[in-house]
Amino acid sequence: MQLIQIVEALIYAAPEPVTSAEIAKAVRRAAADSALPQARDWEMISFKDIDSAIAELGERIVAAGHAVELQEGASGWRFVTRADFADWIRALLPEMRPEKLSSAALETLALIAYRQPITKADIEAVRGVSVDGTMQKLLERRLIRTGGRADLPGRPMLYETTEQFLEHFGVKDLNDLPNASELRLVPLPSAEEVPAEGEADAETDAPAAEVAEVVETPGEEAATEAPEHEPEPEVRDTPELEADDSPRTAIDLSNIDFDPGPDEEEDEETAAEVEPYDDDTEVSRHLEP
């Protein structure tokens, strides 16, 4: 039994991608209980020895023309089928057809991958459209995740890629992306800084305060224009009237001649002298001068 065979068996049996350190730990644990003579050499094996064995294994697989190959992802090593056999595998497993990403999703994902961490507002500034629905789909597929908040007004969320993203595209890290060093330096438009909620309220209230100062009621305007110290009205000295404590004298009205008016008896006699007239009697309406 050779070390390269043990490494191949461990990578094939692992349900998830496995790292060189995990393989080395498993080999040391099994070698301690093994009766094989070469097991004594594997009890102190390092992950560098495992890396050498994996590299040799990959070369053998390629030279033999196998339909599988070794692939190192962000979370470790695993066996994958070669892309040449994708159509045959899809015919066997039609229900496992992967969901393709739309062009909008790929553009959004590319911006996050090359410029992470990045805010949603910056992504929309580059694409010119809203990306709410696209971001939600990428989050559901675990291709991106939130990575804290930006030190900007409003504290917007920051987004970054996940290990699932690296596994999906078959890259070990972000530096393996095509033209990574160049695309990270390309100048892109960014979202304008939006004032914080408190600052926005203050700026909104400022014009209202200015209008309130200009538009005043007449009373307030007069009060504003009035001098600080109004001159007190001049008070003239007037002689005080001495109180008259003498008793009041009675007024004699006996010598005053005045006409009290006609008596009631005279009014009755005058009314009796006036003769009534019939309605048919012609009445002259001519007035003598």
Protein backbone atom coordinates (compact mmCIF):
# COMPACT_ATOMS: atom_id res chain seq x y z
CA MET A 1 0.00 0.00 0.00
CA GLN A 2 1.33 3.39 -0.99
CA LEU A 3 0.63 6.86 0.41
CA ILE A 4 -0.69 8.08 -2.94
CA GLN A 5 -3.36 5.38 -2.88
CA ILE A 6 -4.44 6.35 0.64
CA VAL A 7 -4.71 9.99 -0.38
CA GLU A 8 -6.83 9.05 -3.42
CA ALA A 9 -9.18 6.98 -1.26
CA LEU A 10 -9.63 9.75 1.32
CA ILE A 11 -10.42 12.42 -1.29
CA TYR A 12 -12.87 10.14 -3.07
CA ALA A 13 -14.68 9.11 0.15
CA ALA A 14 -14.95 12.60 1.64
CA PRO A 15 -18.50 13.97 1.31
CA GLU A 16 -17.14 17.52 1.12
CA PRO A 17 -13.89 18.95 -0.26
CA VAL A 18 -11.01 18.09 2.09
CA THR A 19 -7.82 20.02 2.74
CA SER A 20 -4.24 18.73 2.87
CA ALA A 21 -4.13 19.35 6.63
CA GLU A 22 -7.25 17.22 7.18
CA ILE A 23 -5.82 14.40 5.07
CA ALA A 24 -2.52 14.50 6.99
CA LYS A 25 -4.38 14.37 10.32
CA ALA A 26 -6.41 11.34 9.22
CA VAL A 27 -3.28 9.52 7.97
CA ARG A 28 -1.41 10.05 11.26
CA ARG A 29 -4.39 8.82 13.29
CA ALA A 30 -4.77 5.66 11.17
CA ALA A 31 -1.00 4.99 11.06
CA ALA A 32 -0.83 4.85 14.87
CA ASP A 33 -3.19 1.86 14.89
CA SER A 34 -1.91 0.21 11.70
CA ALA A 35 0.30 -2.92 11.68
CA LEU A 36 1.88 -2.11 8.32
CA PRO A 37 5.67 -1.63 8.50
CA GLN A 38 5.57 1.64 6.50
CA ALA A 39 2.91 3.01 8.84
CA ARG A 40 5.67 4.05 11.25
CA ASP A 41 6.83 6.58 8.65
CA TRP A 42 3.31 8.02 8.28
CA GLU A 43 2.81 8.69 11.99
CA MET A 44 4.68 12.02 11.67
CA ILE A 45 3.62 12.91 8.14
CA SER A 46 3.13 16.61 7.35
CA PHE A 47 0.67 18.34 5.05
CA LYS A 48 3.56 19.16 2.68
CA ASP A 49 4.05 15.44 2.12
CA ILE A 50 0.33 15.20 1.38
CA ASP A 51 0.59 18.04 -1.15
CA SER A 52 3.36 16.17 -2.95
CA ALA A 53 1.25 13.01 -3.04
CA ILE A 54 -1.77 14.93 -4.38
CA ALA A 55 0.31 16.55 -7.13
CA GLU A 56 1.64 13.14 -8.19
CA LEU A 57 -1.88 11.70 -8.13
CA GLY A 58 -3.16 14.46 -10.38
CA GLU A 59 -0.43 13.87 -12.92
CA ARG A 60 -1.20 10.14 -13.04
CA ILE A 61 -4.89 10.76 -13.57
CA VAL A 62 -4.27 13.15 -16.44
CA ALA A 63 -1.70 10.84 -18.04
CA ALA A 64 -4.09 7.91 -17.82
CA GLY A 65 -6.89 9.87 -19.51
CA HIS A 66 -9.49 9.29 -16.79
CA ALA A 67 -12.89 10.96 -16.98
CA VAL A 68 -12.33 12.53 -13.55
CA GLU A 69 -9.75 15.01 -12.36
CA LEU A 70 -8.54 16.54 -9.13
CA GLN A 71 -9.73 20.04 -8.43
CA GLU A 72 -8.70 22.28 -5.54
CA GLY A 73 -11.38 24.69 -4.41
CA ALA A 74 -11.65 27.21 -1.65
CA SER A 75 -12.53 24.51 0.88
CA GLY A 76 -10.18 21.76 -0.29
CA TRP A 77 -9.62 18.97 -2.80
CA ARG A 78 -12.25 16.89 -4.56
CA PHE A 79 -12.78 14.72 -7.60
CA VAL A 80 -14.86 16.20 -10.40
CA THR A 81 -15.80 14.93 -13.82
CA ARG A 82 -14.20 16.56 -16.81
CA ALA A 83 -16.22 19.13 -18.72
CA ASP A 84 -16.01 16.96 -21.88
CA PHE A 85 -18.57 14.55 -20.38
CA ALA A 86 -21.14 17.19 -19.27
CA ASP A 87 -23.71 16.30 -21.95
CA TRP A 88 -23.61 12.59 -21.10
CA ILE A 89 -24.00 13.23 -17.38
CA ARG A 90 -26.87 15.66 -18.04
CA ALA A 91 -28.65 12.94 -20.03
CA LEU A 92 -28.32 10.56 -17.08
CA LEU A 93 -29.34 13.13 -14.45
CA PRO A 94 -31.71 15.64 -16.08
CA GLU A 95 -33.13 16.69 -12.71
CA MET A 96 -29.68 17.87 -11.61
CA ARG A 97 -29.46 20.44 -14.40
CA PRO A 98 -27.94 23.53 -12.76
CA GLU A 99 -29.91 26.74 -12.88
CA LYS A 100 -28.20 29.19 -15.18
CA LEU A 101 -27.56 32.72 -14.04
CA SER A 102 -29.06 35.53 -16.09
CA SER A 103 -26.88 38.17 -17.67
CA ALA A 104 -28.06 40.68 -15.05
CA ALA A 105 -27.08 38.28 -12.27
CA LEU A 106 -23.67 37.65 -13.83
CA GLU A 107 -22.99 41.37 -14.18
CA THR A 108 -23.97 42.00 -10.57
CA LEU A 109 -21.96 39.02 -9.37
CA ALA A 110 -18.91 40.17 -11.32
CA LEU A 111 -19.05 43.62 -9.73
CA ILE A 112 -19.20 42.07 -6.27
CA ALA A 113 -16.41 39.60 -7.01
CA TYR A 114 -13.95 42.18 -8.33
CA ARG A 115 -14.87 45.12 -6.08
CA GLN A 116 -15.89 43.45 -2.82
CA PRO A 117 -16.89 44.55 -0.32
CA ILE A 118 -19.32 46.81 -2.16
CA THR A 119 -22.64 48.46 -1.41
CA LYS A 120 -25.83 47.96 -3.38
CA ALA A 121 -25.90 51.66 -4.21
CA ASP A 122 -22.47 51.42 -5.90
CA ILE A 123 -23.63 48.43 -7.94
CA GLU A 124 -26.71 50.33 -9.08
CA ALA A 125 -24.54 53.34 -9.95
CA VAL A 126 -22.53 51.16 -12.36
CA ARG A 127 -25.42 49.22 -13.86
CA GLY A 128 -27.89 52.09 -13.88
CA VAL A 129 -30.84 49.95 -12.74
CA SER A 130 -32.22 48.59 -9.50
CA VAL A 131 -30.67 45.29 -8.39
CA ASP A 132 -32.97 44.35 -5.51
CA GLY A 133 -34.36 41.22 -7.21
CA THR A 134 -30.98 40.13 -8.54
CA MET A 135 -29.31 40.53 -5.15
CA GLN A 136 -32.03 38.48 -3.50
CA LYS A 137 -31.52 35.59 -5.96
CA LEU A 138 -27.76 35.63 -5.42
CA LEU A 139 -28.28 35.58 -1.66
CA GLU A 140 -30.68 32.64 -1.93
CA ARG A 141 -28.16 30.67 -3.98
CA ARG A 142 -25.47 31.46 -1.36
CA LEU A 143 -23.19 33.01 -3.95
CA ILE A 144 -22.95 36.27 -1.99
CA ARG A 145 -23.41 37.30 1.62
CA THR A 146 -23.42 40.42 3.75
CA GLY A 147 -20.03 41.48 5.03
CA GLY A 148 -20.77 44.22 7.54
CA ARG A 149 -21.71 47.85 7.02
CA ALA A 150 -19.93 50.67 5.24
CA ASP A 151 -18.64 53.66 7.15
CA LEU A 152 -20.96 55.98 5.22
CA PRO A 153 -24.06 58.00 6.10
CA GLY A 154 -26.92 55.59 6.70
CA ARG A 155 -24.51 52.65 7.31
CA PRO A 156 -25.39 50.70 4.10
CA MET A 157 -24.79 46.95 3.93
CA LEU A 158 -21.63 45.59 2.29
CA TYR A 159 -21.73 42.48 0.08
CA GLU A 160 -19.03 39.93 -0.73
CA THR A 161 -18.74 36.52 -2.36
CA THR A 162 -18.86 33.20 -0.51
CA GLU A 163 -16.97 29.90 -0.69
CA GLN A 164 -19.94 28.58 -2.64
CA PHE A 165 -19.11 31.16 -5.31
CA LEU A 166 -15.55 29.84 -5.56
CA GLU A 167 -16.80 26.26 -5.72
CA HIS A 168 -19.39 27.15 -8.34
CA PHE A 169 -16.80 28.71 -10.67
CA GLY A 170 -14.01 26.29 -9.79
CA VAL A 171 -11.45 28.77 -8.45
CA LYS A 172 -9.31 28.47 -5.33
CA ASP A 173 -9.38 32.15 -4.38
CA LEU A 174 -10.33 35.51 -5.85
CA ASN A 175 -6.86 36.00 -7.33
CA ASP A 176 -7.60 33.14 -9.75
CA LEU A 177 -10.39 35.15 -11.39
CA PRO A 178 -9.63 36.27 -14.97
CA ASN A 179 -7.79 39.60 -15.14
CA ALA A 180 -8.32 40.12 -11.41
CA SER A 181 -5.46 42.58 -10.93
CA GLU A 182 -6.52 44.74 -13.88
CA LEU A 183 -10.26 44.84 -13.31
CA ARG A 184 -9.82 45.84 -9.68
CA LEU A 185 -8.11 49.07 -10.80
CA VAL A 186 -10.60 50.12 -13.47
CA PRO A 187 -12.34 53.35 -12.32
CA LEU A 188 -16.07 52.90 -11.88
CA PRO A 189 -18.84 55.38 -11.01
CA SER A 190 -19.93 55.31 -7.40
CA ALA A 191 -23.14 56.30 -5.71
CA GLU A 192 -23.42 59.87 -4.52
CA GLU A 193 -23.20 60.23 -0.78
CA VAL A 194 -26.69 60.54 0.62
CA PRO A 195 -26.99 62.67 3.77
CA ALA A 196 -27.88 60.83 6.94
CA GLU A 197 -31.42 60.85 8.19
CA GLY A 198 -30.75 63.43 10.90
CA GLU A 199 -28.82 65.68 8.52
CA ALA A 200 -31.57 65.41 5.91
CA ASP A 201 -34.19 66.49 8.42
CA ALA A 202 -32.07 69.45 9.46
CA GLU A 203 -31.59 70.54 5.85
CA THR A 204 -35.30 70.12 5.19
CA ASP A 205 -36.26 72.21 8.19
CA ALA A 206 -33.80 74.99 7.34
CA PRO A 207 -35.80 76.43 4.39
CA ALA A 208 -38.96 76.24 6.45
CA ALA A 209 -37.28 78.18 9.23
CA GLU A 210 -36.14 80.84 6.77
CA VAL A 211 -39.64 81.17 5.35
CA ALA A 212 -41.04 81.39 8.85
CA GLU A 213 -38.69 84.28 9.57
CA VAL A 214 -39.74 86.14 6.43
CA VAL A 215 -43.47 85.51 6.61
CA GLU A 216 -44.60 87.09 9.89
CA THR A 217 -47.86 88.43 11.11
CA PRO A 218 -48.29 92.24 11.08
CA GLY A 219 -48.16 92.35 14.83
CA GLU A 220 -44.93 90.37 14.95
CA GLU A 221 -43.40 92.46 12.18
CA ALA A 222 -44.28 95.66 13.99
CA ALA A 223 -42.89 94.25 17.16
CA THR A 224 -39.69 93.32 15.34
CA GLU A 225 -39.26 96.75 13.77
CA ALA A 226 -40.07 98.63 16.98
CA PRO A 227 -37.06 100.09 18.76
CA GLU A 228 -35.76 98.31 21.76
CA HIS A 229 -36.65 101.20 24.14
CA GLU A 230 -39.80 103.07 23.24
CA PRO A 231 -39.91 106.70 24.46
CA GLU A 232 -42.21 107.15 27.37
CA PRO A 233 -45.09 109.60 26.76
CA GLU A 234 -44.60 113.05 28.24
CA VAL A 235 -46.69 113.55 31.32
CA ARG A 236 -47.81 117.13 31.94
CA ASP A 237 -48.38 118.36 35.41
CA THR A 238 -52.07 119.20 35.91
CA PRO A 239 -53.38 120.83 38.99
CA GLU A 240 -55.26 118.50 41.16
CA LEU A 241 -58.86 119.29 41.83
CA GLU A 242 -59.57 119.84 45.42
CA ALA A 243 -62.39 117.77 46.73
CA ASP A 244 -65.52 119.83 47.48
CA ASP A 245 -66.95 118.61 50.75
CA SER A 246 -69.57 121.40 50.97
CA PRO A 247 -73.26 120.34 50.89
CA ARG A 248 -75.11 120.62 47.57
CA THR A 249 -77.79 123.41 47.24
CA ALA A 250 -81.30 122.67 45.90
CA ILE A 251 -82.30 124.13 42.46
CA ASP A 252 -85.49 126.26 42.35
CA LEU A 253 -87.63 125.49 39.24
CA SER A 254 -90.68 127.59 40.12
CA ASN A 255 -89.66 130.57 38.04
CA ILE A 256 -89.08 128.57 34.83
CA ASP A 257 -91.94 128.86 32.28
CA PHE A 258 -92.33 125.86 30.03
CA ASP A 259 -95.23 124.44 27.92
CA PRO A 260 -96.21 120.98 29.04
CA GLY A 261 -98.11 120.30 25.78
CA PRO A 262 -101.84 119.83 25.00
CA ASP A 263 -104.05 118.19 27.52
CA GLU A 264 -105.81 114.93 26.86
CA GLU A 265 -109.29 116.58 26.92
CA GLU A 266 -108.33 119.01 24.15
CA ASP A 267 -107.06 116.13 22.02
CA GLU A 268 -110.42 114.33 22.36
CA GLU A 269 -112.41 117.46 21.37
CA THR A 270 -110.22 118.03 18.33
CA ALA A 271 -110.67 114.44 17.22
CA ALA A 272 -114.48 114.73 17.55
CA GLU A 273 -114.63 117.77 15.22
CA VAL A 274 -113.13 115.79 12.34
CA GLU A 275 -115.96 114.25 10.26
CA PRO A 276 -115.42 110.88 8.67
CA TYR A 277 -115.82 110.58 4.88
CA ASP A 278 -116.96 107.79 2.68
CA ASP A 279 -114.70 105.85 0.42
CA ASP A 280 -116.70 107.01 -2.64
CA THR A 281 -116.12 110.68 -1.87
CA GLU A 282 -113.66 112.25 -4.17
CA VAL A 283 -110.81 113.75 -2.39
CA SER A 284 -108.87 116.49 -3.98
CA ARG A 285 -105.23 115.80 -3.78
CA HIS A 286 -104.27 119.20 -5.02
CA LEU A 287 -102.20 121.05 -2.53
CA GLU A 288 -102.43 124.78 -2.41
CA PRO A 289 -99.22 126.49 -2.08
